[in-house]
Amino acid sequence: MRKLLLAVALGMMVSTTVGCILPAYSGDPARRTQQLIFTSENLRLLLDDWERIWFLDQPNHMTPYRTHGGLI
């Protein structure tokens, strides 16, 4: 009984490192390419979102040229 429980525990640990039961991307090459492009674009825009959250994308008032911050 101890060997069976040990085998089941070992099997569960190994099965969690194999990957997902369902694949993350489609099997169709055209659809998979589209999904990978969308995924990479989301990660690329993360820096812009971070700057927008912390208001780092606002104009700096210490610039050598004048920046109009209001509505024109």
PDB file of N, CA and C in Angstrom:
ATOM      1  N   MET A   1       0.831  -1.194   0.000  1.00  0.00           N
ATOM      2  CA  MET A   1       0.000   0.000   0.000  1.00  0.00           C
ATOM      3  C   MET A   1       0.873   1.254   0.000  1.00  0.00           C
ATOM      4  N   ARG A   2       1.969   1.210   0.729  1.00  0.00           N
ATOM      5  CA  ARG A   2       2.865   2.357   0.794  1.00  0.00           C
ATOM      6  C   ARG A   2       3.485   2.629  -0.575  1.00  0.00           C
ATOM      7  N   LYS A   3       3.839   1.567  -1.311  1.00  0.00           N
ATOM      8  CA  LYS A   3       4.426   1.731  -2.636  1.00  0.00           C
ATOM      9  C   LYS A   3       3.407   2.314  -3.612  1.00  0.00           C
ATOM     10  N   LEU A   4       2.169   1.921  -3.483  1.00  0.00           N
ATOM     11  CA  LEU A   4       1.119   2.460  -4.345  1.00  0.00           C
ATOM     12  C   LEU A   4       0.920   3.951  -4.100  1.00  0.00           C
ATOM     13  N   LEU A   5       0.848   4.355  -2.839  1.00  0.00           N
ATOM     14  CA  LEU A   5       0.685   5.777  -2.517  1.00  0.00           C
ATOM     15  C   LEU A   5       1.896   6.585  -2.977  1.00  0.00           C
ATOM     16  N   LEU A   6       3.081   6.027  -2.825  1.00  0.00           N
ATOM     17  CA  LEU A   6       4.292   6.704  -3.276  1.00  0.00           C
ATOM     18  C   LEU A   6       4.296   6.850  -4.793  1.00  0.00           C
ATOM     19  N   ALA A   7       3.855   5.815  -5.497  1.00  0.00           N
ATOM     20  CA  ALA A   7       3.792   5.865  -6.959  1.00  0.00           C
ATOM     21  C   ALA A   7       2.757   6.890  -7.426  1.00  0.00           C
ATOM     22  N   VAL A   8       1.623   6.955  -6.750  1.00  0.00           N
ATOM     23  CA  VAL A   8       0.588   7.932  -7.111  1.00  0.00           C
ATOM     24  C   VAL A   8       1.091   9.346  -6.852  1.00  0.00           C
ATOM     25  N   ALA A   9       1.743   9.578  -5.721  1.00  0.00           N
ATOM     26  CA  ALA A   9       2.274  10.900  -5.406  1.00  0.00           C
ATOM     27  C   ALA A   9       3.347  11.309  -6.408  1.00  0.00           C
ATOM     28  N   LEU A  10       4.229  10.387  -6.765  1.00  0.00           N
ATOM     29  CA  LEU A  10       5.263  10.670  -7.753  1.00  0.00           C
ATOM     30  C   LEU A  10       4.650  10.955  -9.118  1.00  0.00           C
ATOM     31  N   GLY A  11       3.638  10.193  -9.490  1.00  0.00           N
ATOM     32  CA  GLY A  11       2.955  10.416 -10.760  1.00  0.00           C
ATOM     33  C   GLY A  11       2.274  11.774 -10.815  1.00  0.00           C
ATOM     34  N   MET A  12       1.691  12.207  -9.709  1.00  0.00           N
ATOM     35  CA  MET A  12       1.047  13.525  -9.677  1.00  0.00           C
ATOM     36  C   MET A  12       2.069  14.639  -9.778  1.00  0.00           C
ATOM     37  N   MET A  13       3.221  14.486  -9.132  1.00  0.00           N
ATOM     38  CA  MET A  13       4.261  15.509  -9.218  1.00  0.00           C
ATOM     39  C   MET A  13       4.829  15.606 -10.627  1.00  0.00           C
ATOM     40  N   VAL A  14       5.021  14.484 -11.286  1.00  0.00           N
ATOM     41  CA  VAL A  14       5.558  14.489 -12.644  1.00  0.00           C
ATOM     42  C   VAL A  14       4.531  15.027 -13.627  1.00  0.00           C
ATOM     43  N   SER A  15       3.265  14.711 -13.418  1.00  0.00           N
ATOM     44  CA  SER A  15       2.235  15.151 -14.357  1.00  0.00           C
ATOM     45  C   SER A  15       2.016  16.661 -14.307  1.00  0.00           C
ATOM     46  N   THR A  16       2.328  17.318 -13.203  1.00  0.00           N
ATOM     47  CA  THR A  16       2.141  18.766 -13.130  1.00  0.00           C
ATOM     48  C   THR A  16       3.228  19.508 -13.879  1.00  0.00           C
ATOM     49  N   THR A  17       4.369  18.884 -14.164  1.00  0.00           N
ATOM     50  CA  THR A  17       5.441  19.559 -14.875  1.00  0.00           C
ATOM     51  C   THR A  17       5.403  19.309 -16.371  1.00  0.00           C
ATOM     52  N   VAL A  18       4.490  18.478 -16.834  1.00  0.00           N
ATOM     53  CA  VAL A  18       4.428  18.149 -18.257  1.00  0.00           C
ATOM     54  C   VAL A  18       3.846  19.306 -19.046  1.00  0.00           C
ATOM     55  N   GLY A  19       2.832  19.953 -18.568  1.00  0.00           N
ATOM     56  CA  GLY A  19       2.176  21.044 -19.273  1.00  0.00           C
ATOM     57  C   GLY A  19       0.677  20.962 -19.076  1.00  0.00           C
ATOM     58  N   CYS A  20      -0.021  21.782 -19.817  1.00  0.00           N
ATOM     59  CA  CYS A  20      -1.477  21.811 -19.705  1.00  0.00           C
ATOM     60  C   CYS A  20      -2.097  20.625 -20.418  1.00  0.00           C
ATOM     61  N   ILE A  21      -3.265  20.253 -19.961  1.00  0.00           N
ATOM     62  CA  ILE A  21      -4.021  19.205 -20.652  1.00  0.00           C
ATOM     63  C   ILE A  21      -4.533  19.761 -21.977  1.00  0.00           C
ATOM     64  N   LEU A  22      -5.017  20.993 -21.958  1.00  0.00           N
ATOM     65  CA  LEU A  22      -5.462  21.665 -23.170  1.00  0.00           C
ATOM     66  C   LEU A  22      -4.338  22.550 -23.688  1.00  0.00           C
ATOM     67  N   PRO A  23      -4.056  22.533 -24.986  1.00  0.00           N
ATOM     68  CA  PRO A  23      -2.983  23.383 -25.517  1.00  0.00           C
ATOM     69  C   PRO A  23      -3.359  24.856 -25.430  1.00  0.00           C
ATOM     70  N   ALA A  24      -2.354  25.700 -25.268  1.00  0.00           N
ATOM     71  CA  ALA A  24      -2.601  27.131 -25.128  1.00  0.00           C
ATOM     72  C   ALA A  24      -2.954  27.775 -26.459  1.00  0.00           C
ATOM     73  N   TYR A  25      -2.424  27.238 -27.553  1.00  0.00           N
ATOM     74  CA  TYR A  25      -2.644  27.830 -28.865  1.00  0.00           C
ATOM     75  C   TYR A  25      -3.275  26.803 -29.798  1.00  0.00           C
ATOM     76  N   SER A  26      -3.855  27.284 -30.862  1.00  0.00           N
ATOM     77  CA  SER A  26      -4.554  26.445 -31.826  1.00  0.00           C
ATOM     78  C   SER A  26      -3.566  25.576 -32.617  1.00  0.00           C
ATOM     79  N   GLY A  27      -4.051  24.500 -33.188  1.00  0.00           N
ATOM     80  CA  GLY A  27      -3.235  23.636 -34.018  1.00  0.00           C
ATOM     81  C   GLY A  27      -3.093  24.148 -35.445  1.00  0.00           C
ATOM     82  N   ASP A  28      -3.997  25.025 -35.875  1.00  0.00           N
ATOM     83  CA  ASP A  28      -3.940  25.612 -37.208  1.00  0.00           C
ATOM     84  C   ASP A  28      -2.812  26.644 -37.250  1.00  0.00           C
ATOM     85  N   PRO A  29      -1.855  26.525 -38.191  1.00  0.00           N
ATOM     86  CA  PRO A  29      -0.715  27.446 -38.203  1.00  0.00           C
ATOM     87  C   PRO A  29      -1.100  28.913 -38.376  1.00  0.00           C
ATOM     88  N   ALA A  30      -2.093  29.202 -39.212  1.00  0.00           N
ATOM     89  CA  ALA A  30      -2.492  30.598 -39.419  1.00  0.00           C
ATOM     90  C   ALA A  30      -3.113  31.177 -38.143  1.00  0.00           C
ATOM     91  N   ARG A  31      -3.992  30.419 -37.532  1.00  0.00           N
ATOM     92  CA  ARG A  31      -4.638  30.876 -36.283  1.00  0.00           C
ATOM     93  C   ARG A  31      -3.620  30.979 -35.154  1.00  0.00           C
ATOM     94  N   ARG A  32      -2.680  30.019 -35.072  1.00  0.00           N
ATOM     95  CA  ARG A  32      -1.669  30.051 -34.025  1.00  0.00           C
ATOM     96  C   ARG A  32      -0.766  31.275 -34.176  1.00  0.00           C
ATOM     97  N   THR A  33      -0.413  31.623 -35.426  1.00  0.00           N
ATOM     98  CA  THR A  33       0.393  32.821 -35.663  1.00  0.00           C
ATOM     99  C   THR A  33      -0.335  34.068 -35.194  1.00  0.00           C
ATOM    100  N   GLN A  34      -1.618  34.149 -35.486  1.00  0.00           N
ATOM    101  CA  GLN A  34      -2.420  35.295 -35.054  1.00  0.00           C
ATOM    102  C   GLN A  34      -2.473  35.368 -33.523  1.00  0.00           C
ATOM    103  N   GLN A  35      -2.644  34.240 -32.866  1.00  0.00           N
ATOM    104  CA  GLN A  35      -2.685  34.226 -31.401  1.00  0.00           C
ATOM    105  C   GLN A  35      -1.343  34.632 -30.808  1.00  0.00           C
ATOM    106  N   LEU A  36      -0.237  34.178 -31.385  1.00  0.00           N
ATOM    107  CA  LEU A  36       1.089  34.551 -30.880  1.00  0.00           C
ATOM    108  C   LEU A  36       1.366  36.037 -31.071  1.00  0.00           C
ATOM    109  N   ILE A  37       0.908  36.604 -32.192  1.00  0.00           N
ATOM    110  CA  ILE A  37       1.089  38.046 -32.416  1.00  0.00           C
ATOM    111  C   ILE A  37       0.295  38.833 -31.382  1.00  0.00           C
ATOM    112  N   PHE A  38      -0.942  38.420 -31.117  1.00  0.00           N
ATOM    113  CA  PHE A  38      -1.751  39.113 -30.116  1.00  0.00           C
ATOM    114  C   PHE A  38      -1.101  39.026 -28.739  1.00  0.00           C
ATOM    115  N   THR A  39      -0.538  37.866 -28.399  1.00  0.00           N
ATOM    116  CA  THR A  39       0.110  37.694 -27.097  1.00  0.00           C
ATOM    117  C   THR A  39       1.334  38.588 -26.982  1.00  0.00           C
ATOM    118  N   SER A  40       2.157  38.644 -28.023  1.00  0.00           N
ATOM    119  CA  SER A  40       3.363  39.465 -27.954  1.00  0.00           C
ATOM    120  C   SER A  40       3.021  40.949 -27.926  1.00  0.00           C
ATOM    121  N   GLU A  41       1.964  41.357 -28.633  1.00  0.00           N
ATOM    122  CA  GLU A  41       1.563  42.762 -28.603  1.00  0.00           C
ATOM    123  C   GLU A  41       1.072  43.157 -27.210  1.00  0.00           C
ATOM    124  N   ASN A  42       0.362  42.261 -26.529  1.00  0.00           N
ATOM    125  CA  ASN A  42      -0.117  42.574 -25.193  1.00  0.00           C
ATOM    126  C   ASN A  42       1.043  42.795 -24.237  1.00  0.00           C
ATOM    127  N   LEU A  43       2.085  41.964 -24.345  1.00  0.00           N
ATOM    128  CA  LEU A  43       3.239  42.130 -23.465  1.00  0.00           C
ATOM    129  C   LEU A  43       4.055  43.356 -23.842  1.00  0.00           C
ATOM    130  N   ARG A  44       4.064  43.712 -25.113  1.00  0.00           N
ATOM    131  CA  ARG A  44       4.817  44.884 -25.544  1.00  0.00           C
ATOM    132  C   ARG A  44       4.173  46.172 -25.050  1.00  0.00           C
ATOM    133  N   LEU A  45       2.864  46.194 -24.950  1.00  0.00           N
ATOM    134  CA  LEU A  45       2.156  47.390 -24.515  1.00  0.00           C
ATOM    135  C   LEU A  45       2.094  47.519 -22.998  1.00  0.00           C
ATOM    136  N   LEU A  46       2.664  46.555 -22.281  1.00  0.00           N
ATOM    137  CA  LEU A  46       2.623  46.593 -20.829  1.00  0.00           C
ATOM    138  C   LEU A  46       3.371  47.813 -20.286  1.00  0.00           C
ATOM    139  N   LEU A  47       4.498  48.174 -20.899  1.00  0.00           N
ATOM    140  CA  LEU A  47       5.261  49.334 -20.441  1.00  0.00           C
ATOM    141  C   LEU A  47       4.459  50.625 -20.606  1.00  0.00           C
ATOM    142  N   ASP A  48       3.736  50.759 -21.729  1.00  0.00           N
ATOM    143  CA  ASP A  48       2.897  51.945 -21.922  1.00  0.00           C
ATOM    144  C   ASP A  48       1.793  52.026 -20.871  1.00  0.00           C
ATOM    145  N   ASP A  49       1.197  50.890 -20.550  1.00  0.00           N
ATOM    146  CA  ASP A  49       0.161  50.878 -19.519  1.00  0.00           C
ATOM    147  C   ASP A  49       0.741  51.254 -18.158  1.00  0.00           C
ATOM    148  N   TRP A  50       1.932  50.740 -17.851  1.00  0.00           N
ATOM    149  CA  TRP A  50       2.573  51.057 -16.576  1.00  0.00           C
ATOM    150  C   TRP A  50       2.848  52.558 -16.463  1.00  0.00           C
ATOM    151  N   GLU A  51       3.344  53.182 -17.542  1.00  0.00           N
ATOM    152  CA  GLU A  51       3.612  54.620 -17.525  1.00  0.00           C
ATOM    153  C   GLU A  51       2.322  55.415 -17.407  1.00  0.00           C
ATOM    154  N   ARG A  52       1.255  54.943 -18.020  1.00  0.00           N
ATOM    155  CA  ARG A  52      -0.018  55.645 -17.941  1.00  0.00           C
ATOM    156  C   ARG A  52      -0.603  55.555 -16.536  1.00  0.00           C
ATOM    157  N   ILE A  53      -0.431  54.411 -15.861  1.00  0.00           N
ATOM    158  CA  ILE A  53      -0.951  54.242 -14.505  1.00  0.00           C
ATOM    159  C   ILE A  53      -0.250  55.183 -13.538  1.00  0.00           C
ATOM    160  N   TRP A  54       1.087  55.295 -13.656  1.00  0.00           N
ATOM    161  CA  TRP A  54       1.866  56.121 -12.740  1.00  0.00           C
ATOM    162  C   TRP A  54       2.029  57.556 -13.237  1.00  0.00           C
ATOM    163  N   PHE A  55       1.281  57.947 -14.277  1.00  0.00           N
ATOM    164  CA  PHE A  55       1.306  59.302 -14.841  1.00  0.00           C
ATOM    165  C   PHE A  55       2.705  59.716 -15.283  1.00  0.00           C
ATOM    166  N   LEU A  56       3.472  58.783 -15.808  1.00  0.00           N
ATOM    167  CA  LEU A  56       4.806  59.107 -16.312  1.00  0.00           C
ATOM    168  C   LEU A  56       4.769  59.580 -17.755  1.00  0.00           C
ATOM    169  N   ASP A  57       3.605  59.480 -18.399  1.00  0.00           N
ATOM    170  CA  ASP A  57       3.495  59.899 -19.790  1.00  0.00           C
ATOM    171  C   ASP A  57       3.044  61.351 -19.922  1.00  0.00           C
ATOM    172  N   GLN A  58       2.972  62.073 -18.819  1.00  0.00           N
ATOM    173  CA  GLN A  58       2.566  63.461 -18.841  1.00  0.00           C
ATOM    174  C   GLN A  58       3.731  64.340 -19.290  1.00  0.00           C
ATOM    175  N   PRO A  59       3.446  65.510 -19.865  1.00  0.00           N
ATOM    176  CA  PRO A  59       4.548  66.386 -20.272  1.00  0.00           C
ATOM    177  C   PRO A  59       5.311  66.906 -19.058  1.00  0.00           C
ATOM    178  N   ASN A  60       6.613  67.004 -19.213  1.00  0.00           N
ATOM    179  CA  ASN A  60       7.477  67.500 -18.152  1.00  0.00           C
ATOM    180  C   ASN A  60       7.520  69.021 -18.226  1.00  0.00           C
ATOM    181  N   HIS A  61       7.385  69.702 -17.107  1.00  0.00           N
ATOM    182  CA  HIS A  61       7.407  71.162 -17.098  1.00  0.00           C
ATOM    183  C   HIS A  61       8.816  71.720 -17.089  1.00  0.00           C
ATOM    184  N   MET A  62       9.801  70.867 -17.007  1.00  0.00           N
ATOM    185  CA  MET A  62      11.187  71.308 -17.020  1.00  0.00           C
ATOM    186  C   MET A  62      11.812  71.188 -18.412  1.00  0.00           C
ATOM    187  N   THR A  63      10.992  71.035 -19.449  1.00  0.00           N
ATOM    188  CA  THR A  63      11.521  70.907 -20.799  1.00  0.00           C
ATOM    189  C   THR A  63      12.035  72.255 -21.293  1.00  0.00           C
ATOM    190  N   PRO A  64      13.033  72.269 -22.170  1.00  0.00           N
ATOM    191  CA  PRO A  64      13.563  73.538 -22.676  1.00  0.00           C
ATOM    192  C   PRO A  64      12.602  74.244 -23.634  1.00  0.00           C
ATOM    193  N   TYR A  65      11.577  73.552 -24.101  1.00  0.00           N
ATOM    194  CA  TYR A  65      10.601  74.168 -24.993  1.00  0.00           C
ATOM    195  C   TYR A  65       9.249  74.160 -24.297  1.00  0.00           C
ATOM    196  N   ARG A  66       8.415  75.083 -24.687  1.00  0.00           N
ATOM    197  CA  ARG A  66       7.109  75.197 -24.035  1.00  0.00           C
ATOM    198  C   ARG A  66       6.166  74.110 -24.524  1.00  0.00           C
ATOM    199  N   THR A  67       5.429  73.535 -23.578  1.00  0.00           N
ATOM    200  CA  THR A  67       4.454  72.508 -23.881  1.00  0.00           C
ATOM    201  C   THR A  67       3.098  72.981 -23.375  1.00  0.00           C
ATOM    202  N   HIS A  68       2.114  73.023 -24.238  1.00  0.00           N
ATOM    203  CA  HIS A  68       0.781  73.439 -23.831  1.00  0.00           C
ATOM    204  C   HIS A  68       0.069  72.217 -23.269  1.00  0.00           C
ATOM    205  N   GLY A  69      -0.329  72.242 -22.010  1.00  0.00           N
ATOM    206  CA  GLY A  69      -0.943  71.097 -21.389  1.00  0.00           C
ATOM    207  C   GLY A  69      -2.453  71.111 -21.417  1.00  0.00           C
ATOM    208  N   GLY A  70      -3.064  72.175 -21.882  1.00  0.00           N
ATOM    209  CA  GLY A  70      -4.510  72.262 -21.895  1.00  0.00           C
ATOM    210  C   GLY A  70      -5.098  71.898 -23.235  1.00  0.00           C
ATOM    211  N   LEU A  71      -6.377  72.123 -23.378  1.00  0.00           N
ATOM    212  CA  LEU A  71      -7.072  71.871 -24.634  1.00  0.00           C
ATOM    213  C   LEU A  71      -6.907  73.067 -25.546  1.00  0.00           C
ATOM    214  N   ILE A  72      -6.703  72.801 -26.793  1.00  0.00           N
ATOM    215  CA  ILE A  72      -6.535  73.893 -27.765  1.00  0.00           C
ATOM    216  C   ILE A  72      -7.818  74.075 -28.524  1.00  0.00           C
TER     217      ILE A  72
END
